[in-house]
Amino acid sequence: MRIPADAIIPPEKLTRYLLVARPWDDKSQFLAQAGFSLDDSTNLANAIRQTAERFDAMEDGQNEYGTFYRVEGELAGPNGRSLLVVLIWLQWNIDGTFHFVTLKPQSKK
């Protein structure tokens, strides 16, 4: 299964979380290795969509809000470097829409 092309990626997930340096659970330095920055968050949104289009989504649990899916794959950065990532999505029970939750580095297997 693939995440639908019309899945929702809230801009604030990028501009207030992933691309901002944080004292705990910082992902901005990881993403900066591939050239992602707060100056152009659309690069990250586009790369997330491309990764979700290229790699299968696997069901990864449920809660009262819906079903979680994980996509493991390569996130291509604007500087030409790719990062191995896990993308987490939630399909809402209320309307069936898919929403981006977060991104994290893929752990070594």
C-alpha atoms as a PDB file:
ATOM      1  CA  MET A   1       0.000   0.000   0.000  1.00  0.00           C
ATOM      2  CA  ARG A   2       1.133   3.555  -0.686  1.00  0.00           C
ATOM      3  CA  ILE A   3       0.229   6.757   1.115  1.00  0.00           C
ATOM      4  CA  PRO A   4      -2.207   8.729  -1.085  1.00  0.00           C
ATOM      5  CA  ALA A   5      -0.867  11.728  -3.014  1.00  0.00           C
ATOM      6  CA  ASP A   6      -3.407  13.997  -1.300  1.00  0.00           C
ATOM      7  CA  ALA A   7      -2.180  13.112   2.208  1.00  0.00           C
ATOM      8  CA  ILE A   8      -1.953  16.135   4.473  1.00  0.00           C
ATOM      9  CA  ILE A   9       1.438  17.438   5.600  1.00  0.00           C
ATOM     10  CA  PRO A  10       0.788  20.219   8.137  1.00  0.00           C
ATOM     11  CA  PRO A  11       3.268  23.052   7.422  1.00  0.00           C
ATOM     12  CA  GLU A  12       3.792  23.607  11.154  1.00  0.00           C
ATOM     13  CA  LYS A  13       5.186  20.057  11.475  1.00  0.00           C
ATOM     14  CA  LEU A  14       8.021  21.243   9.256  1.00  0.00           C
ATOM     15  CA  THR A  15       8.473  24.858  10.352  1.00  0.00           C
ATOM     16  CA  ARG A  16       7.862  24.471  14.097  1.00  0.00           C
ATOM     17  CA  TYR A  17       9.242  20.998  14.700  1.00  0.00           C
ATOM     18  CA  LEU A  18      11.374  19.145  12.159  1.00  0.00           C
ATOM     19  CA  LEU A  19      13.419  22.083  10.823  1.00  0.00           C
ATOM     20  CA  VAL A  20      13.876  23.894  14.144  1.00  0.00           C
ATOM     21  CA  ALA A  21      16.743  23.127  16.532  1.00  0.00           C
ATOM     22  CA  ARG A  22      15.346  21.645  19.720  1.00  0.00           C
ATOM     23  CA  PRO A  23      17.041  20.709  22.993  1.00  0.00           C
ATOM     24  CA  TRP A  24      15.336  17.299  22.927  1.00  0.00           C
ATOM     25  CA  ASP A  25      14.580  15.043  19.950  1.00  0.00           C
ATOM     26  CA  ASP A  26      16.183  17.461  17.475  1.00  0.00           C
ATOM     27  CA  LYS A  27      15.834  16.413  13.851  1.00  0.00           C
ATOM     28  CA  SER A  28      16.997  19.646  12.226  1.00  0.00           C
ATOM     29  CA  GLN A  29      20.700  18.694  12.262  1.00  0.00           C
ATOM     30  CA  PHE A  30      19.929  15.292  10.754  1.00  0.00           C
ATOM     31  CA  LEU A  31      17.869  16.906   7.975  1.00  0.00           C
ATOM     32  CA  ALA A  32      20.509  19.619   7.411  1.00  0.00           C
ATOM     33  CA  GLN A  33      22.937  16.890   6.271  1.00  0.00           C
ATOM     34  CA  ALA A  34      20.820  16.581   3.117  1.00  0.00           C
ATOM     35  CA  GLY A  35      20.406  20.335   2.684  1.00  0.00           C
ATOM     36  CA  PHE A  36      16.973  20.824   4.271  1.00  0.00           C
ATOM     37  CA  SER A  37      16.495  24.115   6.083  1.00  0.00           C
ATOM     38  CA  LEU A  38      13.831  26.353   7.535  1.00  0.00           C
ATOM     39  CA  ASP A  39      14.527  28.822   4.695  1.00  0.00           C
ATOM     40  CA  ASP A  40      12.654  26.552   2.258  1.00  0.00           C
ATOM     41  CA  SER A  41      10.418  24.060   4.043  1.00  0.00           C
ATOM     42  CA  THR A  42       8.708  23.147   0.754  1.00  0.00           C
ATOM     43  CA  ASN A  43      11.833  21.142  -0.156  1.00  0.00           C
ATOM     44  CA  LEU A  44      11.175  18.894   2.833  1.00  0.00           C
ATOM     45  CA  ALA A  45       7.438  18.606   2.134  1.00  0.00           C
ATOM     46  CA  ASN A  46       8.154  17.607  -1.466  1.00  0.00           C
ATOM     47  CA  ALA A  47      10.790  15.072  -0.421  1.00  0.00           C
ATOM     48  CA  ILE A  48       8.423  13.521   2.135  1.00  0.00           C
ATOM     49  CA  ARG A  49       5.747  13.140  -0.561  1.00  0.00           C
ATOM     50  CA  GLN A  50       8.229  11.618  -3.009  1.00  0.00           C
ATOM     51  CA  THR A  51       9.411   9.104  -0.413  1.00  0.00           C
ATOM     52  CA  ALA A  52       5.806   8.166   0.413  1.00  0.00           C
ATOM     53  CA  GLU A  53       5.123   7.650  -3.312  1.00  0.00           C
ATOM     54  CA  ARG A  54       8.171   5.398  -3.816  1.00  0.00           C
ATOM     55  CA  PHE A  55       8.024   3.110  -0.780  1.00  0.00           C
ATOM     56  CA  ASP A  56       5.300   0.902   0.671  1.00  0.00           C
ATOM     57  CA  ALA A  57       3.463   1.839   3.848  1.00  0.00           C
ATOM     58  CA  MET A  58       3.098  -0.806   6.544  1.00  0.00           C
ATOM     59  CA  GLU A  59       0.415  -0.734   9.214  1.00  0.00           C
ATOM     60  CA  ASP A  60       2.037   0.141  12.530  1.00  0.00           C
ATOM     61  CA  GLY A  61      -0.676   0.217  15.189  1.00  0.00           C
ATOM     62  CA  GLN A  62      -3.958   1.885  16.043  1.00  0.00           C
ATOM     63  CA  ASN A  63      -5.428   4.199  18.629  1.00  0.00           C
ATOM     64  CA  GLU A  64      -8.708   6.016  19.147  1.00  0.00           C
ATOM     65  CA  TYR A  65      -7.831   8.468  16.343  1.00  0.00           C
ATOM     66  CA  GLY A  66      -7.013   5.989  13.613  1.00  0.00           C
ATOM     67  CA  THR A  67      -4.444   3.665  12.082  1.00  0.00           C
ATOM     68  CA  PHE A  68      -0.736   4.454  11.991  1.00  0.00           C
ATOM     69  CA  TYR A  69       1.430   3.601   8.999  1.00  0.00           C
ATOM     70  CA  ARG A  70       5.188   3.673   8.625  1.00  0.00           C
ATOM     71  CA  VAL A  71       7.155   4.191   5.446  1.00  0.00           C
ATOM     72  CA  GLU A  72      10.843   3.302   5.487  1.00  0.00           C
ATOM     73  CA  GLY A  73      12.922   4.669   2.656  1.00  0.00           C
ATOM     74  CA  GLU A  74      15.289   7.287   1.293  1.00  0.00           C
ATOM     75  CA  LEU A  75      14.595  10.998   1.619  1.00  0.00           C
ATOM     76  CA  ALA A  76      16.367  12.817  -1.231  1.00  0.00           C
ATOM     77  CA  GLY A  77      17.759  16.177  -0.157  1.00  0.00           C
ATOM     78  CA  PRO A  78      18.234  19.337  -2.194  1.00  0.00           C
ATOM     79  CA  ASN A  79      22.024  18.997  -1.924  1.00  0.00           C
ATOM     80  CA  GLY A  80      21.933  15.551  -3.593  1.00  0.00           C
ATOM     81  CA  ARG A  81      22.414  13.541  -0.425  1.00  0.00           C
ATOM     82  CA  SER A  82      19.811  10.990   0.660  1.00  0.00           C
ATOM     83  CA  LEU A  83      18.897  10.080   4.217  1.00  0.00           C
ATOM     84  CA  LEU A  84      17.397   6.810   5.415  1.00  0.00           C
ATOM     85  CA  VAL A  85      14.204   7.717   7.239  1.00  0.00           C
ATOM     86  CA  VAL A  86      11.008   6.388   8.749  1.00  0.00           C
ATOM     87  CA  LEU A  87       7.907   8.442   7.983  1.00  0.00           C
ATOM     88  CA  ILE A  88       4.922   8.042  10.299  1.00  0.00           C
ATOM     89  CA  TRP A  89       1.401   8.699   8.997  1.00  0.00           C
ATOM     90  CA  LEU A  90      -2.025   8.479  10.615  1.00  0.00           C
ATOM     91  CA  GLN A  91      -5.203   7.594   8.737  1.00  0.00           C
ATOM     92  CA  TRP A  92      -7.977   9.276  10.695  1.00  0.00           C
ATOM     93  CA  ASN A  93     -10.963   7.133  11.648  1.00  0.00           C
ATOM     94  CA  ILE A  94     -13.329  10.089  11.344  1.00  0.00           C
ATOM     95  CA  ASP A  95     -12.876  10.694   7.609  1.00  0.00           C
ATOM     96  CA  GLY A  96     -10.229   8.281   6.284  1.00  0.00           C
ATOM     97  CA  THR A  97      -7.741  11.030   5.402  1.00  0.00           C
ATOM     98  CA  PHE A  98      -4.006  10.491   5.843  1.00  0.00           C
ATOM     99  CA  HIS A  99      -1.936  12.942   7.906  1.00  0.00           C
ATOM    100  CA  PHE A 100       1.834  13.153   8.281  1.00  0.00           C
ATOM    101  CA  VAL A 101       2.853  12.699  11.918  1.00  0.00           C
ATOM    102  CA  THR A 102       6.644  12.730  11.980  1.00  0.00           C
ATOM    103  CA  LEU A 103       9.933  11.665  10.476  1.00  0.00           C
ATOM    104  CA  LYS A 104      12.845   9.990  12.214  1.00  0.00           C
ATOM    105  CA  PRO A 105      16.201   8.563  11.173  1.00  0.00           C
ATOM    106  CA  GLN A 106      15.994   4.917  10.214  1.00  0.00           C
ATOM    107  CA  SER A 107      17.900   2.832  12.750  1.00  0.00           C
ATOM    108  CA  LYS A 108      20.583   0.507  11.507  1.00  0.00           C
ATOM    109  CA  LYS A 109      19.400  -3.092  11.154  1.00  0.00           C
END
